[in-house]
Each structure stands twice: as C-alpha cells, then as structure tokens.
Amino acid sequence: MPKATTLDEYLAEFAGPARELLDQLHALAREAVPEADVAIKWGHPAWVHPAGTILFVISGHAKHVNFTFTPSTREAFDPELTTVETGKGTVKLPYGTPVPTDLLHRMIAYRVREFEHDGVRWM
C-alpha cells in the first residue's frame, strides 16, 4: 500500500473511532495553530511552523493516537498527565476515552512559545 502524502490521504486510512479521534485532534490543531502547514513526516501528519520547524506530530495506531511534542513540552505538563500514558515526547490517547482538549490546547500553545521565544527546535 502506498504511503500517504497528504493529510487527507492519511486520514482516509482510518475508520470508526480511530477516524473520529483523528478528525477531532486535527480540528483542534488547526484551531490552535492555523498558520502552521501540515506535512507528512515519517508517514504521519506533522504541524510545521511557518519558519519551518516541526511543532508536533499526530499519529494513528491500532488502539490509540499519539500526540507527539518535544520532550521538553511533554515534561512541562507532567503533573497534569498522570492519568494518561506518556513517552519521551508523546501523549497516548486511547480510542473511546475522553480527550483532554483544554490540556492539549495549552500544550500546543506552550510548544509554539517554546519555539518562537526559546528557539527549541524539533528533536
């Protein structure tokens, strides 16, 4: 199967709860950073700052979606992430569970500030 080269192609690979969650997260991302472009990086949609730096990546998997930030962004929110599984820079969002929309909005805003004001680039 050919790899997706656009966001629409990527989303078309998913159905049911996976597609619903991905659509919700992509709408949240568009609202939070409308000036960012979306590019497929490592097979997944990445939101790219107008200056060219990746801000975050959203990737669908068999049972969850990963919202991937820089490790420093994820670490800044550790006290609020105690009820979800996390990784180096990821927040794992299982299908069928409530989405921490407000928290993700704040994490996106933090990541944008982290890049624009502190110069923190992608991993």
C-alpha atoms as a PDB file:
ATOM      1  CA  MET A   1       0.000   0.000   0.000  1.00  0.00           C
ATOM      2  CA  PRO A   2       1.446   3.407  -0.933  1.00  0.00           C
ATOM      3  CA  LYS A   3       2.282   5.824   1.862  1.00  0.00           C
ATOM      4  CA  ALA A   4       0.056   8.861   2.328  1.00  0.00           C
ATOM      5  CA  THR A   5       1.492  12.096   1.001  1.00  0.00           C
ATOM      6  CA  THR A   6      -1.280  14.425   2.227  1.00  0.00           C
ATOM      7  CA  LEU A   7      -3.347  14.811   5.376  1.00  0.00           C
ATOM      8  CA  ASP A   8      -6.496  13.728   3.517  1.00  0.00           C
ATOM      9  CA  GLU A   9      -4.794  10.561   2.256  1.00  0.00           C
ATOM     10  CA  TYR A  10      -3.540   9.831   5.773  1.00  0.00           C
ATOM     11  CA  LEU A  11      -6.978  10.286   7.352  1.00  0.00           C
ATOM     12  CA  ALA A  12      -8.584   8.095   4.664  1.00  0.00           C
ATOM     13  CA  GLU A  13      -6.572   5.149   6.040  1.00  0.00           C
ATOM     14  CA  PHE A  14      -8.681   5.178   9.242  1.00  0.00           C
ATOM     15  CA  ALA A  15     -12.340   4.459  10.060  1.00  0.00           C
ATOM     16  CA  GLY A  16     -14.637   4.306  13.083  1.00  0.00           C
ATOM     17  CA  PRO A  17     -13.354   5.513  16.463  1.00  0.00           C
ATOM     18  CA  ALA A  18      -9.827   5.979  15.099  1.00  0.00           C
ATOM     19  CA  ARG A  19     -11.019   8.317  12.342  1.00  0.00           C
ATOM     20  CA  GLU A  20     -13.306  10.193  14.748  1.00  0.00           C
ATOM     21  CA  LEU A  21     -10.465  10.847  17.193  1.00  0.00           C
ATOM     22  CA  LEU A  22      -8.019  11.806  14.453  1.00  0.00           C
ATOM     23  CA  ASP A  23     -10.567  14.225  12.959  1.00  0.00           C
ATOM     24  CA  GLN A  24     -11.153  15.752  16.409  1.00  0.00           C
ATOM     25  CA  LEU A  25      -7.431  16.185  17.076  1.00  0.00           C
ATOM     26  CA  HIS A  26      -6.712  17.594  13.642  1.00  0.00           C
ATOM     27  CA  ALA A  27      -9.533  20.138  14.075  1.00  0.00           C
ATOM     28  CA  LEU A  28      -8.081  21.084  17.467  1.00  0.00           C
ATOM     29  CA  ALA A  29      -4.636  21.524  15.903  1.00  0.00           C
ATOM     30  CA  ARG A  30      -5.980  23.668  13.033  1.00  0.00           C
ATOM     31  CA  GLU A  31      -7.797  25.869  15.543  1.00  0.00           C
ATOM     32  CA  ALA A  32      -4.769  26.175  17.830  1.00  0.00           C
ATOM     33  CA  VAL A  33      -2.178  26.948  15.118  1.00  0.00           C
ATOM     34  CA  PRO A  34      -3.988  27.998  11.924  1.00  0.00           C
ATOM     35  CA  GLU A  35      -0.792  29.468  10.494  1.00  0.00           C
ATOM     36  CA  ALA A  36       1.004  26.090  10.583  1.00  0.00           C
ATOM     37  CA  ASP A  37       1.294  23.920   7.495  1.00  0.00           C
ATOM     38  CA  VAL A  38       0.668  20.180   7.652  1.00  0.00           C
ATOM     39  CA  ALA A  39       3.278  17.918   6.073  1.00  0.00           C
ATOM     40  CA  ILE A  40       3.677  14.160   6.153  1.00  0.00           C
ATOM     41  CA  LYS A  41       6.845  13.333   8.124  1.00  0.00           C
ATOM     42  CA  TRP A  42       7.842   9.724   8.890  1.00  0.00           C
ATOM     43  CA  GLY A  43       4.460   8.679   7.475  1.00  0.00           C
ATOM     44  CA  HIS A  44       2.401  10.867   9.860  1.00  0.00           C
ATOM     45  CA  PRO A  45       0.960  14.395   9.780  1.00  0.00           C
ATOM     46  CA  ALA A  46       3.256  16.999  11.310  1.00  0.00           C
ATOM     47  CA  TRP A  47       2.302  20.601  12.044  1.00  0.00           C
ATOM     48  CA  VAL A  48       5.095  22.821  10.781  1.00  0.00           C
ATOM     49  CA  HIS A  49       5.663  26.398  11.932  1.00  0.00           C
ATOM     50  CA  PRO A  50       5.900  28.968   9.097  1.00  0.00           C
ATOM     51  CA  ALA A  51       9.632  29.209   9.941  1.00  0.00           C
ATOM     52  CA  GLY A  52      10.000  25.518   9.015  1.00  0.00           C
ATOM     53  CA  THR A  53      10.288  23.808  12.415  1.00  0.00           C
ATOM     54  CA  ILE A  54       8.011  20.903  13.320  1.00  0.00           C
ATOM     55  CA  LEU A  55       5.752  21.813  16.229  1.00  0.00           C
ATOM     56  CA  PHE A  56       4.090  18.430  16.818  1.00  0.00           C
ATOM     57  CA  VAL A  57       3.012  15.206  15.113  1.00  0.00           C
ATOM     58  CA  ILE A  58      -0.293  13.338  15.397  1.00  0.00           C
ATOM     59  CA  SER A  59      -0.204   9.632  14.537  1.00  0.00           C
ATOM     60  CA  GLY A  60      -2.922   6.989  14.477  1.00  0.00           C
ATOM     61  CA  HIS A  61      -2.240   3.437  15.653  1.00  0.00           C
ATOM     62  CA  ALA A  62      -4.270   0.245  16.199  1.00  0.00           C
ATOM     63  CA  LYS A  63      -5.680   1.209  19.611  1.00  0.00           C
ATOM     64  CA  HIS A  64      -4.647   4.812  20.190  1.00  0.00           C
ATOM     65  CA  VAL A  65      -3.421   8.103  18.779  1.00  0.00           C
ATOM     66  CA  ASN A  66      -0.062   9.576  19.751  1.00  0.00           C
ATOM     67  CA  PHE A  67       0.176  13.338  20.064  1.00  0.00           C
ATOM     68  CA  THR A  68       3.927  13.917  19.898  1.00  0.00           C
ATOM     69  CA  PHE A  69       5.576  17.094  21.154  1.00  0.00           C
ATOM     70  CA  THR A  70       9.175  17.808  22.082  1.00  0.00           C
ATOM     71  CA  PRO A  71      10.222  16.057  25.304  1.00  0.00           C
ATOM     72  CA  SER A  72      10.525  19.463  26.990  1.00  0.00           C
ATOM     73  CA  THR A  73       6.913  20.330  26.172  1.00  0.00           C
ATOM     74  CA  ARG A  74       5.666  16.975  27.437  1.00  0.00           C
ATOM     75  CA  GLU A  75       7.762  17.286  30.614  1.00  0.00           C
ATOM     76  CA  ALA A  76       6.371  20.768  31.349  1.00  0.00           C
ATOM     77  CA  PHE A  77       2.930  19.185  31.713  1.00  0.00           C
ATOM     78  CA  ASP A  78       3.911  16.029  33.626  1.00  0.00           C
ATOM     79  CA  PRO A  79       1.865  16.983  36.729  1.00  0.00           C
ATOM     80  CA  GLU A  80      -1.270  17.100  34.544  1.00  0.00           C
ATOM     81  CA  LEU A  81      -0.509  13.942  32.572  1.00  0.00           C
ATOM     82  CA  THR A  82      -0.756  11.448  35.427  1.00  0.00           C
ATOM     83  CA  THR A  83      -3.940   9.826  34.046  1.00  0.00           C
ATOM     84  CA  VAL A  84      -2.579   9.165  30.537  1.00  0.00           C
ATOM     85  CA  GLU A  85       0.312   7.110  29.241  1.00  0.00           C
ATOM     86  CA  THR A  86       3.242   9.162  28.029  1.00  0.00           C
ATOM     87  CA  GLY A  87       6.547   8.550  26.291  1.00  0.00           C
ATOM     88  CA  LYS A  88       9.629  10.612  25.502  1.00  0.00           C
ATOM     89  CA  GLY A  89       7.546  13.376  23.928  1.00  0.00           C
ATOM     90  CA  THR A  90       4.228  11.614  23.438  1.00  0.00           C
ATOM     91  CA  VAL A  91       0.786  11.656  24.951  1.00  0.00           C
ATOM     92  CA  LYS A  92      -1.072   8.417  24.203  1.00  0.00           C
ATOM     93  CA  LEU A  93      -4.820   8.851  23.659  1.00  0.00           C
ATOM     94  CA  PRO A  94      -6.695   5.504  23.563  1.00  0.00           C
ATOM     95  CA  TYR A  95      -9.777   5.282  21.366  1.00  0.00           C
ATOM     96  CA  GLY A  96     -13.054   5.598  23.274  1.00  0.00           C
ATOM     97  CA  THR A  97     -11.695   7.719  26.142  1.00  0.00           C
ATOM     98  CA  PRO A  98     -12.295  11.423  26.807  1.00  0.00           C
ATOM     99  CA  VAL A  99      -9.855  13.750  25.067  1.00  0.00           C
ATOM    100  CA  PRO A 100      -8.119  16.299  27.331  1.00  0.00           C
ATOM    101  CA  THR A 101      -8.855  19.102  24.848  1.00  0.00           C
ATOM    102  CA  ASP A 102      -8.003  22.010  27.150  1.00  0.00           C
ATOM    103  CA  LEU A 103      -4.717  20.378  28.156  1.00  0.00           C
ATOM    104  CA  LEU A 104      -3.755  19.704  24.524  1.00  0.00           C
ATOM    105  CA  HIS A 105      -4.568  23.326  23.602  1.00  0.00           C
ATOM    106  CA  ARG A 106      -2.255  24.519  26.368  1.00  0.00           C
ATOM    107  CA  MET A 107       0.466  22.089  25.312  1.00  0.00           C
ATOM    108  CA  ILE A 108       0.272  23.335  21.715  1.00  0.00           C
ATOM    109  CA  ALA A 109       0.481  26.965  22.876  1.00  0.00           C
ATOM    110  CA  TYR A 110       3.468  26.070  25.065  1.00  0.00           C
ATOM    111  CA  ARG A 111       5.201  24.338  22.157  1.00  0.00           C
ATOM    112  CA  VAL A 112       4.697  27.358  19.883  1.00  0.00           C
ATOM    113  CA  ARG A 113       6.107  29.700  22.576  1.00  0.00           C
ATOM    114  CA  GLU A 114       8.942  27.249  23.246  1.00  0.00           C
ATOM    115  CA  PHE A 115       9.990  27.507  19.610  1.00  0.00           C
ATOM    116  CA  GLU A 116       9.281  31.190  18.964  1.00  0.00           C
ATOM    117  CA  HIS A 117      10.717  32.562  22.219  1.00  0.00           C
ATOM    118  CA  ASP A 118      13.246  29.956  23.355  1.00  0.00           C
ATOM    119  CA  GLY A 119      14.379  28.606  19.990  1.00  0.00           C
ATOM    120  CA  VAL A 120      13.607  24.978  20.890  1.00  0.00           C
ATOM    121  CA  ARG A 121      13.618  23.098  17.613  1.00  0.00           C
ATOM    122  CA  TRP A 122      12.316  19.601  16.867  1.00  0.00           C
ATOM    123  CA  MET A 123      14.015  16.606  18.485  1.00  0.00           C
END
